[in-house]
PDB file of N, CA and C in Angstrom:
ATOM      1  N   MET A   1     -12.789 -15.613  20.900  1.00  0.00           N
ATOM      2  CA  MET A   1     -12.285 -15.818  19.529  1.00  0.00           C
ATOM      3  C   MET A   1     -10.651 -16.194  19.728  1.00  0.00           C
ATOM      4  N   TYR A   2     -10.346 -17.314  19.704  1.00  0.00           N
ATOM      5  CA  TYR A   2      -8.458 -17.984  19.096  1.00  0.00           C
ATOM      6  C   TYR A   2      -7.769 -17.468  18.793  1.00  0.00           C
ATOM      7  N   LYS A   3      -6.496 -16.827  18.929  1.00  0.00           N
ATOM      8  CA  LYS A   3      -6.077 -16.155  17.960  1.00  0.00           C
ATOM      9  C   LYS A   3      -5.545 -17.314  16.662  1.00  0.00           C
ATOM     10  N   THR A   4      -5.701 -18.717  16.610  1.00  0.00           N
ATOM     11  CA  THR A   4      -5.893 -19.547  15.137  1.00  0.00           C
ATOM     12  C   THR A   4      -6.801 -19.066  14.833  1.00  0.00           C
ATOM     13  N   ASP A   5      -8.180 -18.947  15.085  1.00  0.00           N
ATOM     14  CA  ASP A   5      -9.897 -18.532  14.415  1.00  0.00           C
ATOM     15  C   ASP A   5      -9.476 -16.721  13.766  1.00  0.00           C
ATOM     16  N   VAL A   6      -8.857 -15.850  14.583  1.00  0.00           N
ATOM     17  CA  VAL A   6      -8.850 -14.468  14.210  1.00  0.00           C
ATOM     18  C   VAL A   6      -6.979 -14.664  13.021  1.00  0.00           C
ATOM     19  N   LEU A   7      -6.266 -15.255  12.624  1.00  0.00           N
ATOM     20  CA  LEU A   7      -5.481 -15.656  11.651  1.00  0.00           C
ATOM     21  C   LEU A   7      -6.293 -16.409  10.872  1.00  0.00           C
ATOM     22  N   VAL A   8      -7.485 -17.387  11.148  1.00  0.00           N
ATOM     23  CA  VAL A   8      -7.626 -17.661  10.015  1.00  0.00           C
ATOM     24  C   VAL A   8      -8.818 -17.417   8.971  1.00  0.00           C
ATOM     25  N   LEU A   9      -9.422 -16.896   9.556  1.00  0.00           N
ATOM     26  CA  LEU A   9     -10.197 -15.474   9.153  1.00  0.00           C
ATOM     27  C   LEU A   9      -9.771 -13.714   8.281  1.00  0.00           C
ATOM     28  N   THR A  10      -8.338 -13.868   9.050  1.00  0.00           N
ATOM     29  CA  THR A  10      -7.024 -12.596   8.523  1.00  0.00           C
ATOM     30  C   THR A  10      -7.053 -12.847   6.904  1.00  0.00           C
ATOM     31  N   ILE A  11      -6.307 -14.503   6.969  1.00  0.00           N
ATOM     32  CA  ILE A  11      -5.967 -15.324   5.388  1.00  0.00           C
ATOM     33  C   ILE A  11      -7.109 -14.685   4.258  1.00  0.00           C
ATOM     34  N   GLY A  12      -8.116 -15.375   4.921  1.00  0.00           N
ATOM     35  CA  GLY A  12     -10.062 -15.353   4.176  1.00  0.00           C
ATOM     36  C   GLY A  12     -10.338 -14.201   3.794  1.00  0.00           C
ATOM     37  N   PHE A  13     -10.103 -12.705   4.166  1.00  0.00           N
ATOM     38  CA  PHE A  13      -9.984 -11.564   4.143  1.00  0.00           C
ATOM     39  C   PHE A  13      -8.714 -10.977   3.239  1.00  0.00           C
ATOM     40  N   ALA A  14      -8.103 -11.452   3.617  1.00  0.00           N
ATOM     41  CA  ALA A  14      -7.269 -10.802   2.885  1.00  0.00           C
ATOM     42  C   ALA A  14      -6.823 -11.736   0.893  1.00  0.00           C
ATOM     43  N   GLY A  15      -7.751 -12.713   1.230  1.00  0.00           N
ATOM     44  CA  GLY A  15      -7.248 -13.260  -0.230  1.00  0.00           C
ATOM     45  C   GLY A  15      -9.198 -12.911  -0.931  1.00  0.00           C
ATOM     46  N   GLN A  16      -9.796 -13.105   0.175  1.00  0.00           N
ATOM     47  CA  GLN A  16     -10.966 -11.472  -0.855  1.00  0.00           C
ATOM     48  C   GLN A  16     -11.018 -10.517  -1.117  1.00  0.00           C
ATOM     49  N   CYS A  17      -9.709  -9.804  -0.328  1.00  0.00           N
ATOM     50  CA  CYS A  17      -9.274  -8.484  -0.735  1.00  0.00           C
ATOM     51  C   CYS A  17      -8.746  -8.427  -1.943  1.00  0.00           C
ATOM     52  N   CYS A  18      -7.476  -9.318  -2.063  1.00  0.00           N
ATOM     53  CA  CYS A  18      -6.639  -9.633  -3.513  1.00  0.00           C
ATOM     54  C   CYS A  18      -7.525  -9.869  -4.948  1.00  0.00           C
ATOM     55  N   PHE A  19      -9.228 -10.258  -3.822  1.00  0.00           N
ATOM     56  CA  PHE A  19      -9.422 -10.929  -5.340  1.00  0.00           C
ATOM     57  C   PHE A  19     -10.671  -9.268  -5.899  1.00  0.00           C
ATOM     58  N   PHE A  20     -10.446  -8.258  -4.581  1.00  0.00           N
ATOM     59  CA  PHE A  20     -11.337  -7.310  -5.027  1.00  0.00           C
ATOM     60  C   PHE A  20     -10.465  -6.390  -5.817  1.00  0.00           C
ATOM     61  N   MET A  21      -9.556  -6.812  -5.550  1.00  0.00           N
ATOM     62  CA  MET A  21      -8.449  -5.617  -5.471  1.00  0.00           C
ATOM     63  C   MET A  21      -8.177  -5.745  -7.785  1.00  0.00           C
ATOM     64  N   ARG A  22      -8.211  -7.234  -8.271  1.00  0.00           N
ATOM     65  CA  ARG A  22      -7.555  -7.429  -9.326  1.00  0.00           C
ATOM     66  C   ARG A  22      -9.045  -6.752 -10.376  1.00  0.00           C
ATOM     67  N   PHE A  23     -10.265  -6.773  -9.514  1.00  0.00           N
ATOM     68  CA  PHE A  23     -11.304  -6.479 -11.007  1.00  0.00           C
ATOM     69  C   PHE A  23     -11.172  -4.748 -10.763  1.00  0.00           C
ATOM     70  N   PHE A  24     -10.945  -4.203  -9.619  1.00  0.00           N
ATOM     71  CA  PHE A  24     -10.901  -2.739  -9.092  1.00  0.00           C
ATOM     72  C   PHE A  24      -9.578  -2.576 -10.179  1.00  0.00           C
ATOM     73  N   ILE A  25      -8.410  -3.242 -10.618  1.00  0.00           N
ATOM     74  CA  ILE A  25      -7.475  -2.715 -11.277  1.00  0.00           C
ATOM     75  C   ILE A  25      -7.631  -2.450 -12.128  1.00  0.00           C
ATOM     76  N   GLN A  26      -8.435  -3.547 -12.482  1.00  0.00           N
ATOM     77  CA  GLN A  26      -8.242  -4.456 -14.476  1.00  0.00           C
ATOM     78  C   GLN A  26      -9.980  -2.663 -14.431  1.00  0.00           C
ATOM     79  N   TRP A  27     -10.152  -2.197 -13.789  1.00  0.00           N
ATOM     80  CA  TRP A  27     -12.148  -1.835 -14.144  1.00  0.00           C
ATOM     81  C   TRP A  27     -11.033  -0.464 -14.278  1.00  0.00           C
ATOM     82  N   ILE A  28     -10.077   0.430 -13.198  1.00  0.00           N
ATOM     83  CA  ILE A  28      -9.647   1.260 -13.458  1.00  0.00           C
ATOM     84  C   ILE A  28      -8.137   1.391 -14.831  1.00  0.00           C
ATOM     85  N   PHE A  29      -7.667   0.572 -15.111  1.00  0.00           N
ATOM     86  CA  PHE A  29      -6.611   0.315 -16.339  1.00  0.00           C
ATOM     87  C   PHE A  29      -8.506   0.718 -17.857  1.00  0.00           C
ATOM     88  N   SER A  30      -9.640  -0.135 -17.912  1.00  0.00           N
ATOM     89  CA  SER A  30     -10.349  -0.279 -19.087  1.00  0.00           C
ATOM     90  C   SER A  30     -10.520   1.337 -18.624  1.00  0.00           C
ATOM     91  N   GLU A  31     -11.261   1.728 -17.826  1.00  0.00           N
ATOM     92  CA  GLU A  31     -11.515   2.998 -17.583  1.00  0.00           C
ATOM     93  C   GLU A  31     -10.421   4.284 -18.589  1.00  0.00           C
ATOM     94  N   LYS A  32      -8.885   3.651 -18.541  1.00  0.00           N
ATOM     95  CA  LYS A  32      -8.090   4.859 -18.574  1.00  0.00           C
ATOM     96  C   LYS A  32      -7.492   4.468 -20.215  1.00  0.00           C
ATOM     97  N   ASN A  33      -7.999   3.457 -20.298  1.00  0.00           N
ATOM     98  CA  ASN A  33      -7.931   2.941 -21.951  1.00  0.00           C
ATOM     99  C   ASN A  33      -9.195   2.751 -23.201  1.00  0.00           C
ATOM    100  N   LYS A  34      -9.765   3.266 -22.172  1.00  0.00           N
ATOM    101  CA  LYS A  34     -11.317   3.417 -23.029  1.00  0.00           C
ATOM    102  C   LYS A  34     -11.570   1.776 -23.581  1.00  0.00           C
ATOM    103  N   LYS A  35     -11.469   0.632 -23.343  1.00  0.00           N
ATOM    104  CA  LYS A  35     -11.344  -0.213 -23.117  1.00  0.00           C
ATOM    105  C   LYS A  35     -11.028  -1.615 -22.902  1.00  0.00           C
ATOM    106  N   SER A  36     -11.770  -2.450 -22.973  1.00  0.00           N
ATOM    107  CA  SER A  36     -11.466  -3.751 -22.041  1.00  0.00           C
ATOM    108  C   SER A  36      -9.990  -3.899 -21.821  1.00  0.00           C
ATOM    109  N   VAL A  37      -9.010  -3.869 -20.595  1.00  0.00           N
ATOM    110  CA  VAL A  37      -7.532  -4.230 -20.930  1.00  0.00           C
ATOM    111  C   VAL A  37      -7.558  -4.955 -19.533  1.00  0.00           C
ATOM    112  N   ILE A  38      -6.741  -5.933 -19.662  1.00  0.00           N
ATOM    113  CA  ILE A  38      -6.386  -7.066 -18.734  1.00  0.00           C
ATOM    114  C   ILE A  38      -5.135  -6.713 -18.316  1.00  0.00           C
ATOM    115  N   PRO A  39      -4.541  -6.112 -16.506  1.00  0.00           N
ATOM    116  CA  PRO A  39      -3.105  -6.002 -17.198  1.00  0.00           C
ATOM    117  C   PRO A  39      -2.619  -7.286 -16.510  1.00  0.00           C
ATOM    118  N   THR A  40      -1.070  -6.984 -15.976  1.00  0.00           N
ATOM    119  CA  THR A  40      -0.791  -8.267 -15.735  1.00  0.00           C
ATOM    120  C   THR A  40      -1.000  -8.574 -13.830  1.00  0.00           C
ATOM    121  N   SER A  41      -0.970  -6.997 -13.208  1.00  0.00           N
ATOM    122  CA  SER A  41      -1.400  -7.014 -12.110  1.00  0.00           C
ATOM    123  C   SER A  41      -2.612  -8.094 -12.149  1.00  0.00           C
ATOM    124  N   PHE A  42      -3.622  -8.284 -12.845  1.00  0.00           N
ATOM    125  CA  PHE A  42      -4.498  -8.181 -12.470  1.00  0.00           C
ATOM    126  C   PHE A  42      -4.388 -10.444 -12.218  1.00  0.00           C
ATOM    127  N   TRP A  43      -3.461 -10.749 -12.840  1.00  0.00           N
ATOM    128  CA  TRP A  43      -3.146 -12.174 -12.301  1.00  0.00           C
ATOM    129  C   TRP A  43      -2.281 -12.223 -11.652  1.00  0.00           C
ATOM    130  N   TYR A  44      -1.504 -11.169 -10.971  1.00  0.00           N
ATOM    131  CA  TYR A  44      -0.415 -11.321  -9.938  1.00  0.00           C
ATOM    132  C   TYR A  44      -2.033 -11.415  -8.335  1.00  0.00           C
ATOM    133  N   PHE A  45      -2.968 -10.715  -8.230  1.00  0.00           N
ATOM    134  CA  PHE A  45      -3.709 -10.116  -7.562  1.00  0.00           C
ATOM    135  C   PHE A  45      -4.753 -11.626  -7.593  1.00  0.00           C
ATOM    136  N   SER A  46      -4.900 -11.994  -9.070  1.00  0.00           N
ATOM    137  CA  SER A  46      -5.777 -13.596  -8.725  1.00  0.00           C
ATOM    138  C   SER A  46      -4.775 -14.753  -8.147  1.00  0.00           C
ATOM    139  N   LEU A  47      -3.866 -14.704  -8.563  1.00  0.00           N
ATOM    140  CA  LEU A  47      -2.609 -15.673  -8.077  1.00  0.00           C
ATOM    141  C   LEU A  47      -2.588 -15.272  -6.720  1.00  0.00           C
ATOM    142  N   PHE A  48      -2.133 -14.057  -6.283  1.00  0.00           N
ATOM    143  CA  PHE A  48      -2.415 -14.220  -4.610  1.00  0.00           C
ATOM    144  C   PHE A  48      -3.436 -14.698  -3.639  1.00  0.00           C
ATOM    145  N   GLY A  49      -4.835 -13.607  -4.158  1.00  0.00           N
ATOM    146  CA  GLY A  49      -5.810 -14.552  -3.517  1.00  0.00           C
ATOM    147  C   GLY A  49      -6.322 -15.502  -3.583  1.00  0.00           C
ATOM    148  N   GLY A  50      -6.199 -16.223  -4.721  1.00  0.00           N
ATOM    149  CA  GLY A  50      -6.378 -17.636  -4.637  1.00  0.00           C
ATOM    150  C   GLY A  50      -5.553 -18.378  -3.899  1.00  0.00           C
ATOM    151  N   LEU A  51      -4.057 -18.668  -3.666  1.00  0.00           N
ATOM    152  CA  LEU A  51      -3.505 -18.848  -3.006  1.00  0.00           C
ATOM    153  C   LEU A  51      -3.678 -18.342  -1.198  1.00  0.00           C
ATOM    154  N   LEU A  52      -4.340 -17.180  -1.205  1.00  0.00           N
ATOM    155  CA  LEU A  52      -5.117 -17.340   0.807  1.00  0.00           C
ATOM    156  C   LEU A  52      -5.631 -18.262   0.042  1.00  0.00           C
ATOM    157  N   LEU A  53      -6.899 -18.126  -0.011  1.00  0.00           N
ATOM    158  CA  LEU A  53      -7.980 -18.389  -0.341  1.00  0.00           C
ATOM    159  C   LEU A  53      -7.864 -20.396  -0.067  1.00  0.00           C
ATOM    160  N   LEU A  54      -7.184 -20.788  -0.827  1.00  0.00           N
ATOM    161  CA  LEU A  54      -6.703 -21.765  -0.646  1.00  0.00           C
ATOM    162  C   LEU A  54      -6.238 -21.885   0.046  1.00  0.00           C
ATOM    163  N   ILE A  55      -5.378 -21.477   0.778  1.00  0.00           N
ATOM    164  CA  ILE A  55      -5.315 -21.926   2.493  1.00  0.00           C
ATOM    165  C   ILE A  55      -6.014 -21.511   3.440  1.00  0.00           C
ATOM    166  N   TYR A  56      -6.757 -20.871   2.805  1.00  0.00           N
ATOM    167  CA  TYR A  56      -8.578 -21.310   3.931  1.00  0.00           C
ATOM    168  C   TYR A  56      -9.163 -21.933   3.673  1.00  0.00           C
ATOM    169  N   ALA A  57      -9.016 -22.286   2.464  1.00  0.00           N
ATOM    170  CA  ALA A  57     -10.460 -23.479   2.234  1.00  0.00           C
ATOM    171  C   ALA A  57      -9.850 -24.855   2.949  1.00  0.00           C
ATOM    172  N   ILE A  58      -8.387 -25.108   3.287  1.00  0.00           N
ATOM    173  CA  ILE A  58      -7.954 -25.928   3.461  1.00  0.00           C
ATOM    174  C   ILE A  58      -7.807 -26.497   4.988  1.00  0.00           C
ATOM    175  N   ILE A  59      -7.590 -24.650   5.910  1.00  0.00           N
ATOM    176  CA  ILE A  59      -7.668 -24.717   7.262  1.00  0.00           C
ATOM    177  C   ILE A  59      -9.224 -24.841   7.672  1.00  0.00           C
ATOM    178  N   ARG A  60     -10.439 -25.098   6.321  1.00  0.00           N
ATOM    179  CA  ARG A  60     -11.531 -25.014   7.025  1.00  0.00           C
ATOM    180  C   ARG A  60     -12.517 -26.222   6.189  1.00  0.00           C
ATOM    181  N   LYS A  61     -11.067 -27.204   5.642  1.00  0.00           N
ATOM    182  CA  LYS A  61     -11.560 -28.293   5.641  1.00  0.00           C
ATOM    183  C   LYS A  61     -12.913 -28.219   4.757  1.00  0.00           C
ATOM    184  N   ASP A  62     -13.148 -27.683   3.979  1.00  0.00           N
ATOM    185  CA  ASP A  62     -13.741 -27.471   2.731  1.00  0.00           C
ATOM    186  C   ASP A  62     -13.349 -27.724   1.307  1.00  0.00           C
ATOM    187  N   ILE A  63     -14.190 -28.996   0.984  1.00  0.00           N
ATOM    188  CA  ILE A  63     -13.679 -29.850   0.340  1.00  0.00           C
ATOM    189  C   ILE A  63     -13.817 -28.977  -1.536  1.00  0.00           C
ATOM    190  N   VAL A  64     -14.781 -28.560  -1.373  1.00  0.00           N
ATOM    191  CA  VAL A  64     -15.792 -27.706  -2.761  1.00  0.00           C
ATOM    192  C   VAL A  64     -14.841 -26.486  -3.197  1.00  0.00           C
ATOM    193  N   PHE A  65     -14.278 -25.465  -1.909  1.00  0.00           N
ATOM    194  CA  PHE A  65     -13.742 -24.252  -2.216  1.00  0.00           C
ATOM    195  C   PHE A  65     -12.408 -25.004  -2.264  1.00  0.00           C
ATOM    196  N   THR A  66     -11.712 -26.041  -1.646  1.00  0.00           N
ATOM    197  CA  THR A  66     -10.534 -25.889  -1.657  1.00  0.00           C
ATOM    198  C   THR A  66      -9.672 -26.553  -3.281  1.00  0.00           C
ATOM    199  N   VAL A  67     -11.061 -27.304  -4.178  1.00  0.00           N
ATOM    200  CA  VAL A  67     -10.722 -28.158  -5.765  1.00  0.00           C
ATOM    201  C   VAL A  67     -10.546 -26.693  -6.270  1.00  0.00           C
ATOM    202  N   GLY A  68     -11.551 -25.696  -6.406  1.00  0.00           N
ATOM    203  CA  GLY A  68     -11.618 -24.761  -6.908  1.00  0.00           C
ATOM    204  C   GLY A  68     -11.097 -23.770  -6.552  1.00  0.00           C
ATOM    205  N   GLN A  69     -10.432 -23.061  -5.603  1.00  0.00           N
ATOM    206  CA  GLN A  69      -8.832 -22.552  -5.608  1.00  0.00           C
ATOM    207  C   GLN A  69      -8.327 -22.850  -6.103  1.00  0.00           C
ATOM    208  N   ALA A  70      -8.066 -24.210  -6.017  1.00  0.00           N
ATOM    209  CA  ALA A  70      -6.605 -25.084  -6.249  1.00  0.00           C
ATOM    210  C   ALA A  70      -6.887 -25.287  -8.426  1.00  0.00           C
ATOM    211  N   GLY A  71      -7.681 -25.503  -8.804  1.00  0.00           N
ATOM    212  CA  GLY A  71      -7.852 -24.788 -10.181  1.00  0.00           C
ATOM    213  C   GLY A  71      -7.720 -23.914 -11.280  1.00  0.00           C
ATOM    214  N   GLY A  72      -8.577 -22.898 -10.369  1.00  0.00           N
ATOM    215  CA  GLY A  72      -7.889 -21.441 -10.530  1.00  0.00           C
ATOM    216  C   GLY A  72      -6.549 -20.686  -9.939  1.00  0.00           C
ATOM    217  N   THR A  73      -5.899 -21.769  -9.578  1.00  0.00           N
ATOM    218  CA  THR A  73      -4.522 -21.119  -9.206  1.00  0.00           C
ATOM    219  C   THR A  73      -3.532 -21.661  -9.818  1.00  0.00           C
ATOM    220  N   PHE A  74      -3.657 -22.729 -10.792  1.00  0.00           N
ATOM    221  CA  PHE A  74      -3.321 -23.179 -12.000  1.00  0.00           C
ATOM    222  C   PHE A  74      -3.353 -22.309 -13.309  1.00  0.00           C
ATOM    223  N   ILE A  75      -4.825 -22.079 -13.230  1.00  0.00           N
ATOM    224  CA  ILE A  75      -4.886 -21.094 -14.482  1.00  0.00           C
ATOM    225  C   ILE A  75      -4.395 -19.466 -14.017  1.00  0.00           C
ATOM    226  N   TYR A  76      -3.931 -19.431 -13.049  1.00  0.00           N
ATOM    227  CA  TYR A  76      -3.638 -17.553 -12.996  1.00  0.00           C
ATOM    228  C   TYR A  76      -1.875 -18.274 -13.469  1.00  0.00           C
ATOM    229  N   LEU A  77      -1.113 -19.127 -12.729  1.00  0.00           N
ATOM    230  CA  LEU A  77      -0.180 -19.746 -13.047  1.00  0.00           C
ATOM    231  C   LEU A  77       0.217 -19.041 -14.804  1.00  0.00           C
ATOM    232  N   ARG A  78      -0.893 -19.973 -15.077  1.00  0.00           N
ATOM    233  CA  ARG A  78      -0.272 -20.706 -16.529  1.00  0.00           C
ATOM    234  C   ARG A  78      -0.829 -18.817 -17.204  1.00  0.00           C
ATOM    235  N   ASN A  79      -1.280 -18.048 -16.957  1.00  0.00           N
ATOM    236  CA  ASN A  79      -1.579 -17.042 -17.824  1.00  0.00           C
ATOM    237  C   ASN A  79       0.097 -15.986 -17.370  1.00  0.00           C
ATOM    238  N   LEU A  80       0.610 -16.215 -16.249  1.00  0.00           N
ATOM    239  CA  LEU A  80       1.811 -15.725 -16.320  1.00  0.00           C
ATOM    240  C   LEU A  80       2.873 -16.042 -16.922  1.00  0.00           C
ATOM    241  N   TYR A  81       2.946 -17.485 -17.077  1.00  0.00           N
ATOM    242  CA  TYR A  81       3.683 -17.739 -17.610  1.00  0.00           C
ATOM    243  C   TYR A  81       3.643 -17.292 -19.590  1.00  0.00           C
ATOM    244  N   PHE A  82       2.377 -17.526 -19.566  1.00  0.00           N
ATOM    245  CA  PHE A  82       1.663 -17.099 -21.301  1.00  0.00           C
ATOM    246  C   PHE A  82       2.988 -15.446 -21.360  1.00  0.00           C
ATOM    247  N   ILE A  83       2.403 -14.629 -20.070  1.00  0.00           N
ATOM    248  CA  ILE A  83       2.858 -13.068 -20.481  1.00  0.00           C
ATOM    249  C   ILE A  83       3.891 -13.513 -20.344  1.00  0.00           C
ATOM    250  N   TYR A  84       4.932 -14.013 -19.152  1.00  0.00           N
ATOM    251  CA  TYR A  84       6.195 -13.191 -19.754  1.00  0.00           C
ATOM    252  C   TYR A  84       6.993 -13.789 -20.759  1.00  0.00           C
ATOM    253  N   LYS A  85       6.396 -15.336 -21.030  1.00  0.00           N
ATOM    254  CA  LYS A  85       6.949 -16.041 -22.230  1.00  0.00           C
ATOM    255  C   LYS A  85       7.265 -15.381 -23.594  1.00  0.00           C
ATOM    256  N   GLY A  86       5.743 -14.227 -23.457  1.00  0.00           N
ATOM    257  CA  GLY A  86       5.272 -13.418 -25.220  1.00  0.00           C
ATOM    258  C   GLY A  86       6.666 -12.194 -24.636  1.00  0.00           C
ATOM    259  N   ARG A  87       7.003 -11.883 -24.121  1.00  0.00           N
ATOM    260  CA  ARG A  87       7.975 -10.728 -23.458  1.00  0.00           C
ATOM    261  C   ARG A  87       8.959 -10.720 -25.043  1.00  0.00           C
ATOM    262  N   GLY A  88       8.398  -9.010 -25.946  1.00  0.00           N
ATOM    263  CA  GLY A  88       9.765  -9.372 -26.700  1.00  0.00           C
ATOM    264  C   GLY A  88       9.113  -9.715 -28.084  1.00  0.00           C
ATOM    265  N   LYS A  89       8.074 -10.659 -28.115  1.00  0.00           N
ATOM    266  CA  LYS A  89       7.925 -11.815 -29.113  1.00  0.00           C
ATOM    267  C   LYS A  89       6.739 -10.410 -30.057  1.00  0.00           C
ATOM    268  N   VAL A  90       6.836 -10.661 -31.133  1.00  0.00           N
ATOM    269  CA  VAL A  90       5.981  -9.575 -31.696  1.00  0.00           C
ATOM    270  C   VAL A  90       4.494 -10.699 -32.089  1.00  0.00           C
ATOM    271  N   GLU A  91       3.578  -9.967 -32.358  1.00  0.00           N
ATOM    272  CA  GLU A  91       2.551 -11.197 -33.008  1.00  0.00           C
ATOM    273  C   GLU A  91       2.427 -10.726 -33.584  1.00  0.00           C
ATOM    274  N   LYS A  92       1.621 -12.351 -34.899  1.00  0.00           N
ATOM    275  CA  LYS A  92       1.571 -11.995 -35.875  1.00  0.00           C
ATOM    276  C   LYS A  92       0.261 -11.830 -36.042  1.00  0.00           C
TER     277      LYS A  92
END
């Protein structure tokens, strides 16, 4: 196996690990609060996982995977924007 193959697989598995961690963190927060909770870290793990998987998909030249991850990355960034934009504001 070539070094580049190992690097590409490492990027892919790191992205998958981030996606697993987002669900794991969400589950822990929800159990702690006894209701469904999506913490900010969920969106960070989504973003980092999505970016790593996007890189992986581009390297593998998989157009379906690339388009899917690119769209998700935009959504994760948008959710983080809303979170930080709304800090300090009272909901009506």
